[in-house]
Structures are given as structure tokens and as C-alpha cells.
N, C-alpha and C. Protein backbone atom coordinates (compact mmCIF):
# COMPACT_ATOMS: atom_id res chain seq x y z
N ALA A 1 24.25 25.36 19.97
CA ALA A 1 22.88 25.73 19.67
C ALA A 1 22.51 25.32 18.24
N ILE A 2 23.44 25.54 17.32
CA ILE A 2 23.16 25.19 15.93
C ILE A 2 23.07 23.67 15.77
N ALA A 3 23.93 22.95 16.47
CA ALA A 3 23.90 21.48 16.39
C ALA A 3 22.57 20.94 16.92
N ARG A 4 22.07 21.55 17.98
CA ARG A 4 20.78 21.12 18.54
C ARG A 4 19.64 21.38 17.56
N LEU A 5 19.63 22.55 16.93
CA LEU A 5 18.61 22.86 15.93
C LEU A 5 18.72 21.96 14.71
N GLN A 6 19.96 21.68 14.31
CA GLN A 6 20.17 20.80 13.16
C GLN A 6 19.67 19.39 13.46
N ARG A 7 19.95 18.90 14.64
CA ARG A 7 19.48 17.57 15.05
C ARG A 7 17.95 17.54 15.13
N SER A 8 17.35 18.59 15.65
CA SER A 8 15.89 18.68 15.72
C SER A 8 15.28 18.67 14.32
N PHE A 9 15.87 19.45 13.41
CA PHE A 9 15.38 19.48 12.03
C PHE A 9 15.52 18.11 11.38
N HIS A 10 16.65 17.46 11.61
CA HIS A 10 16.89 16.14 11.02
C HIS A 10 15.84 15.14 11.48
N TRP A 11 15.53 15.10 12.77
CA TRP A 11 14.56 14.12 13.26
C TRP A 11 13.14 14.46 12.86
N GLN A 12 12.80 15.74 12.78
CA GLN A 12 11.46 16.11 12.30
C GLN A 12 11.28 15.66 10.86
N ARG A 13 12.29 15.88 10.04
CA ARG A 13 12.22 15.47 8.64
C ARG A 13 12.21 13.96 8.52
N LYS A 14 13.03 13.30 9.30
CA LYS A 14 13.13 11.85 9.23
C LYS A 14 11.82 11.18 9.65
N LEU A 15 11.19 11.69 10.68
CA LEU A 15 9.96 11.07 11.18
C LEU A 15 8.76 11.32 10.27
N SER A 16 8.77 12.39 9.51
CA SER A 16 7.60 12.65 8.67
C SER A 16 7.83 12.25 7.22
N HIS A 17 8.88 12.72 6.61
CA HIS A 17 9.06 12.52 5.18
C HIS A 17 9.66 11.17 4.82
N SER A 18 10.83 10.89 5.36
CA SER A 18 11.56 9.74 4.85
C SER A 18 10.94 8.41 5.26
N ILE A 19 10.30 8.33 6.39
CA ILE A 19 9.67 7.06 6.79
C ILE A 19 8.56 6.70 5.81
N VAL A 20 7.72 7.65 5.48
CA VAL A 20 6.60 7.39 4.57
C VAL A 20 7.12 7.04 3.18
N THR A 21 8.04 7.85 2.68
CA THR A 21 8.56 7.63 1.33
C THR A 21 9.31 6.31 1.23
N ASN A 22 10.18 6.03 2.18
CA ASN A 22 10.95 4.79 2.13
C ASN A 22 10.07 3.56 2.30
N THR A 23 9.08 3.64 3.17
CA THR A 23 8.17 2.50 3.38
C THR A 23 7.37 2.22 2.11
N LEU A 24 6.82 3.27 1.51
CA LEU A 24 6.04 3.09 0.29
C LEU A 24 6.91 2.59 -0.86
N ALA A 25 8.09 3.16 -1.01
CA ALA A 25 8.98 2.73 -2.10
C ALA A 25 9.39 1.27 -1.92
N GLN A 26 9.71 0.87 -0.71
CA GLN A 26 10.10 -0.52 -0.46
C GLN A 26 8.93 -1.47 -0.68
N ALA A 27 7.74 -1.08 -0.27
CA ALA A 27 6.56 -1.93 -0.46
C ALA A 27 6.25 -2.10 -1.94
N LEU A 28 6.32 -1.01 -2.69
CA LEU A 28 6.06 -1.11 -4.13
C LEU A 28 7.13 -1.94 -4.84
N TYR A 29 8.38 -1.78 -4.43
CA TYR A 29 9.44 -2.59 -5.03
C TYR A 29 9.21 -4.08 -4.75
N ALA A 30 8.91 -4.41 -3.50
CA ALA A 30 8.67 -5.81 -3.15
C ALA A 30 7.47 -6.37 -3.90
N LEU A 31 6.47 -5.54 -4.10
CA LEU A 31 5.26 -5.98 -4.79
C LEU A 31 5.51 -6.22 -6.28
N PHE A 32 6.19 -5.29 -6.93
CA PHE A 32 6.36 -5.39 -8.38
C PHE A 32 7.54 -6.27 -8.77
N ALA A 33 8.43 -6.56 -7.85
CA ALA A 33 9.54 -7.47 -8.13
C ALA A 33 9.23 -8.88 -7.66
N ALA A 34 8.01 -9.11 -7.24
CA ALA A 34 7.63 -10.43 -6.72
C ALA A 34 7.70 -11.47 -7.82
N GLY A 35 8.10 -12.66 -7.43
CA GLY A 35 8.22 -13.75 -8.38
C GLY A 35 6.91 -14.48 -8.60
N ASP A 36 6.89 -15.75 -8.27
CA ASP A 36 5.73 -16.60 -8.53
C ASP A 36 4.78 -16.73 -7.35
N ASN A 37 4.93 -15.91 -6.35
CA ASN A 37 4.06 -15.97 -5.18
C ASN A 37 2.66 -15.52 -5.59
N ARG A 38 1.69 -16.43 -5.49
CA ARG A 38 0.34 -16.09 -5.98
C ARG A 38 -0.33 -15.01 -5.15
N ASN A 39 -0.01 -14.92 -3.86
CA ASN A 39 -0.60 -13.87 -3.03
C ASN A 39 -0.09 -12.50 -3.45
N LEU A 40 1.21 -12.40 -3.73
CA LEU A 40 1.75 -11.12 -4.17
C LEU A 40 1.27 -10.78 -5.58
N LYS A 41 1.06 -11.78 -6.42
CA LYS A 41 0.50 -11.51 -7.75
C LYS A 41 -0.91 -10.94 -7.62
N SER A 42 -1.68 -11.51 -6.72
CA SER A 42 -3.03 -11.01 -6.49
C SER A 42 -2.99 -9.58 -5.97
N LEU A 43 -2.09 -9.31 -5.05
CA LEU A 43 -1.96 -7.96 -4.50
C LEU A 43 -1.47 -6.98 -5.57
N ARG A 44 -0.57 -7.43 -6.44
CA ARG A 44 -0.08 -6.59 -7.53
C ARG A 44 -1.22 -6.22 -8.48
N ARG A 45 -2.03 -7.21 -8.82
CA ARG A 45 -3.18 -6.95 -9.69
C ARG A 45 -4.15 -5.97 -9.02
N GLY A 46 -4.39 -6.17 -7.74
CA GLY A 46 -5.25 -5.26 -7.00
C GLY A 46 -4.70 -3.84 -6.96
N CYS A 47 -3.38 -3.73 -6.86
CA CYS A 47 -2.74 -2.41 -6.83
C CYS A 47 -2.93 -1.71 -8.18
N PHE A 48 -2.70 -2.43 -9.28
CA PHE A 48 -2.90 -1.84 -10.61
C PHE A 48 -4.36 -1.44 -10.82
N GLU A 49 -5.28 -2.30 -10.42
CA GLU A 49 -6.70 -1.98 -10.59
C GLU A 49 -7.11 -0.80 -9.69
N TYR A 50 -6.51 -0.72 -8.51
CA TYR A 50 -6.78 0.40 -7.60
C TYR A 50 -6.32 1.71 -8.23
N PHE A 51 -5.14 1.71 -8.86
CA PHE A 51 -4.66 2.91 -9.54
C PHE A 51 -5.55 3.27 -10.72
N ARG A 52 -6.11 2.26 -11.39
CA ARG A 52 -6.96 2.52 -12.55
C ARG A 52 -8.28 3.17 -12.15
N LEU A 53 -8.66 3.07 -10.89
CA LEU A 53 -9.89 3.74 -10.43
C LEU A 53 -9.78 5.25 -10.54
N GLY A 54 -8.56 5.77 -10.47
CA GLY A 54 -8.33 7.21 -10.61
C GLY A 54 -8.74 7.99 -9.38
N GLY A 55 -8.77 9.27 -9.51
CA GLY A 55 -9.16 10.15 -8.40
C GLY A 55 -8.23 10.01 -7.21
N GLU A 56 -8.80 9.88 -6.05
CA GLU A 56 -8.02 9.76 -4.82
C GLU A 56 -7.22 8.46 -4.77
N CYS A 57 -7.66 7.46 -5.50
CA CYS A 57 -6.93 6.19 -5.53
C CYS A 57 -5.60 6.33 -6.25
N THR A 58 -5.45 7.34 -7.07
CA THR A 58 -4.18 7.62 -7.74
C THR A 58 -3.47 8.79 -7.07
N ASN A 59 -4.21 9.84 -6.77
CA ASN A 59 -3.60 11.04 -6.19
C ASN A 59 -2.99 10.78 -4.82
N GLY A 60 -3.64 9.99 -3.99
CA GLY A 60 -3.12 9.73 -2.64
C GLY A 60 -1.75 9.08 -2.65
N PRO A 61 -1.58 7.93 -3.34
CA PRO A 61 -0.25 7.32 -3.38
C PRO A 61 0.80 8.19 -4.08
N VAL A 62 0.41 8.93 -5.12
CA VAL A 62 1.37 9.80 -5.80
C VAL A 62 1.81 10.93 -4.86
N ASN A 63 0.87 11.50 -4.12
CA ASN A 63 1.22 12.54 -3.15
C ASN A 63 2.12 12.01 -2.06
N LEU A 64 1.92 10.77 -1.66
CA LEU A 64 2.80 10.17 -0.65
C LEU A 64 4.20 9.97 -1.20
N LEU A 65 4.30 9.43 -2.39
CA LEU A 65 5.60 9.12 -2.97
C LEU A 65 6.37 10.38 -3.35
N SER A 66 5.67 11.44 -3.71
CA SER A 66 6.34 12.69 -4.08
C SER A 66 6.53 13.62 -2.88
N ILE A 67 6.19 13.17 -1.71
CA ILE A 67 6.35 13.90 -0.44
C ILE A 67 5.51 15.17 -0.40
N LEU A 68 4.42 15.22 -1.13
CA LEU A 68 3.52 16.36 -1.02
C LEU A 68 2.64 16.25 0.22
N ARG A 69 2.27 15.02 0.59
CA ARG A 69 1.49 14.78 1.81
C ARG A 69 2.09 13.58 2.54
N PRO A 70 3.20 13.74 3.23
CA PRO A 70 3.87 12.61 3.88
C PRO A 70 3.23 12.26 5.22
N ASN A 71 2.03 11.76 5.17
CA ASN A 71 1.30 11.41 6.38
C ASN A 71 1.29 9.89 6.55
N PRO A 72 1.86 9.36 7.64
CA PRO A 72 1.89 7.90 7.82
C PRO A 72 0.49 7.27 7.86
N TRP A 73 -0.49 7.99 8.38
CA TRP A 73 -1.84 7.43 8.45
C TRP A 73 -2.48 7.35 7.06
N LEU A 74 -2.11 8.26 6.20
CA LEU A 74 -2.58 8.20 4.81
C LEU A 74 -1.97 7.00 4.10
N LEU A 75 -0.73 6.68 4.42
CA LEU A 75 -0.09 5.49 3.87
C LEU A 75 -0.82 4.23 4.34
N VAL A 76 -1.13 4.15 5.61
CA VAL A 76 -1.87 3.00 6.13
C VAL A 76 -3.25 2.91 5.49
N TYR A 77 -3.91 4.05 5.33
CA TYR A 77 -5.24 4.10 4.72
C TYR A 77 -5.22 3.50 3.32
N HIS A 78 -4.28 3.91 2.49
CA HIS A 78 -4.23 3.40 1.12
C HIS A 78 -3.76 1.95 1.09
N TYR A 79 -2.87 1.58 1.98
CA TYR A 79 -2.42 0.19 2.03
C TYR A 79 -3.58 -0.75 2.34
N VAL A 80 -4.38 -0.39 3.31
CA VAL A 80 -5.54 -1.22 3.69
C VAL A 80 -6.55 -1.25 2.55
N ARG A 81 -6.77 -0.11 1.90
CA ARG A 81 -7.72 -0.08 0.77
C ARG A 81 -7.27 -0.98 -0.37
N VAL A 82 -5.96 -0.97 -0.68
CA VAL A 82 -5.45 -1.83 -1.75
C VAL A 82 -5.62 -3.30 -1.36
N CYS A 83 -5.34 -3.63 -0.11
CA CYS A 83 -5.49 -5.02 0.35
C CYS A 83 -6.95 -5.47 0.26
N LEU A 84 -7.86 -4.66 0.74
CA LEU A 84 -9.27 -5.02 0.69
C LEU A 84 -9.79 -5.08 -0.75
N PHE A 85 -9.32 -4.18 -1.59
CA PHE A 85 -9.73 -4.20 -2.99
C PHE A 85 -9.21 -5.46 -3.69
N SER A 86 -8.00 -5.88 -3.35
CA SER A 86 -7.44 -7.12 -3.92
C SER A 86 -8.27 -8.33 -3.50
N ILE A 87 -8.66 -8.36 -2.25
CA ILE A 87 -9.51 -9.45 -1.76
C ILE A 87 -10.85 -9.43 -2.49
N TYR A 88 -11.40 -8.24 -2.68
CA TYR A 88 -12.67 -8.12 -3.39
C TYR A 88 -12.55 -8.65 -4.83
N LEU A 89 -11.48 -8.27 -5.52
CA LEU A 89 -11.30 -8.73 -6.90
C LEU A 89 -11.15 -10.25 -6.97
N ASP A 90 -10.43 -10.82 -6.01
CA ASP A 90 -10.29 -12.28 -6.00
C ASP A 90 -11.62 -12.97 -5.70
N THR A 91 -12.41 -12.38 -4.84
CA THR A 91 -13.67 -12.99 -4.46
C THR A 91 -14.71 -12.90 -5.57
N VAL A 92 -14.71 -11.79 -6.30
CA VAL A 92 -15.69 -11.59 -7.38
C VAL A 92 -15.48 -12.62 -8.49
N GLU A 93 -14.25 -13.05 -8.71
CA GLU A 93 -13.98 -14.01 -9.77
C GLU A 93 -14.43 -15.42 -9.43
N LEU A 94 -14.65 -15.71 -8.16
CA LEU A 94 -15.05 -17.04 -7.76
C LEU A 94 -16.51 -17.31 -8.12
N PRO A 95 -16.85 -18.58 -8.36
CA PRO A 95 -18.27 -18.91 -8.52
C PRO A 95 -19.01 -18.61 -7.22
N LEU A 96 -20.30 -18.40 -7.33
CA LEU A 96 -21.09 -17.98 -6.17
C LEU A 96 -20.96 -18.94 -5.00
N TRP A 97 -20.95 -20.24 -5.25
CA TRP A 97 -20.90 -21.20 -4.15
C TRP A 97 -19.54 -21.21 -3.45
N LYS A 98 -18.47 -20.75 -4.15
CA LYS A 98 -17.16 -20.70 -3.51
C LYS A 98 -16.92 -19.39 -2.77
N ARG A 99 -17.71 -18.38 -3.04
CA ARG A 99 -17.51 -17.08 -2.38
C ARG A 99 -17.69 -17.19 -0.88
N PHE A 100 -18.58 -18.06 -0.45
CA PHE A 100 -18.80 -18.21 0.99
C PHE A 100 -17.68 -18.99 1.64
N GLN A 101 -16.94 -19.77 0.87
CA GLN A 101 -15.82 -20.54 1.40
C GLN A 101 -14.53 -19.72 1.41
N ALA A 102 -14.47 -18.63 0.66
CA ALA A 102 -13.23 -17.86 0.51
C ALA A 102 -12.63 -17.39 1.83
N PRO A 103 -13.41 -16.85 2.78
CA PRO A 103 -12.78 -16.43 4.04
C PRO A 103 -12.14 -17.61 4.80
N TRP A 104 -12.74 -18.76 4.72
CA TRP A 104 -12.19 -19.92 5.43
C TRP A 104 -10.93 -20.44 4.75
N ILE A 105 -10.93 -20.39 3.43
CA ILE A 105 -9.75 -20.80 2.68
C ILE A 105 -8.59 -19.84 2.96
N ALA A 106 -8.89 -18.55 2.96
CA ALA A 106 -7.85 -17.54 3.22
C ALA A 106 -7.33 -17.65 4.64
N ALA A 107 -8.18 -18.00 5.59
CA ALA A 107 -7.74 -18.11 6.98
C ALA A 107 -6.77 -19.28 7.16
N ARG A 108 -6.90 -20.31 6.34
CA ARG A 108 -6.00 -21.46 6.45
C ARG A 108 -4.62 -21.17 5.91
N LEU A 109 -4.49 -20.17 5.03
CA LEU A 109 -3.19 -19.82 4.46
C LEU A 109 -2.38 -19.19 5.53
């Protein structure tokens, strides 16, 4: 009976806490240890700028990493926001006539 409860506790913890924490930690490590890949550099810059926005843009990832709110959907939410924000930052830097070409250029990559 104790082994069954222990196994149940282990899988409940593993499915909620460790998956979110390990996924986020691995993604951040891959992002910040990236070499000369220009796409990862762009994503890294977007991540730093996203954190600089403050508020929920900082609290959400910190809560995920510290296991205060280990929700996988919250991880996906912030991941998508960082990706879209990175795309926005790259697009804003382009001259106006190239902004309309950006989606087509990105699709070819």
C-alpha cells in the first residue's frame, strides 16, 4: 500500500513540477549558451527585452522556474509570447518597405 502511494506521489510530482522546471531550465540554457546562430541570438535578445517589460513578463517565468506555479500551459503561454515579441523586435528594426517582405523571408528559412 505504501509503495503504491509513493509511486502515485512520485508521478504526480513528476508530471507537474519537474517537467515544467526541467523544460524551462533546458530551454534557457540552450538559449543563453547559443553560439553564432542568428535566430537564437534574436530569440535571446527578445527574451531579455521581454524580461525588461516587468510585471507578468518577469513574474510568470520566475514563478515557473521557482516551482511556485508549475503549470505547463503557463510555460507554453510565455514561450509563445517571447517568440512573438522577438519577431516583433526584429520586424520593427527593418525599414518600412522590408517589413512586408519579412514573413516571406522568415518562411524560407
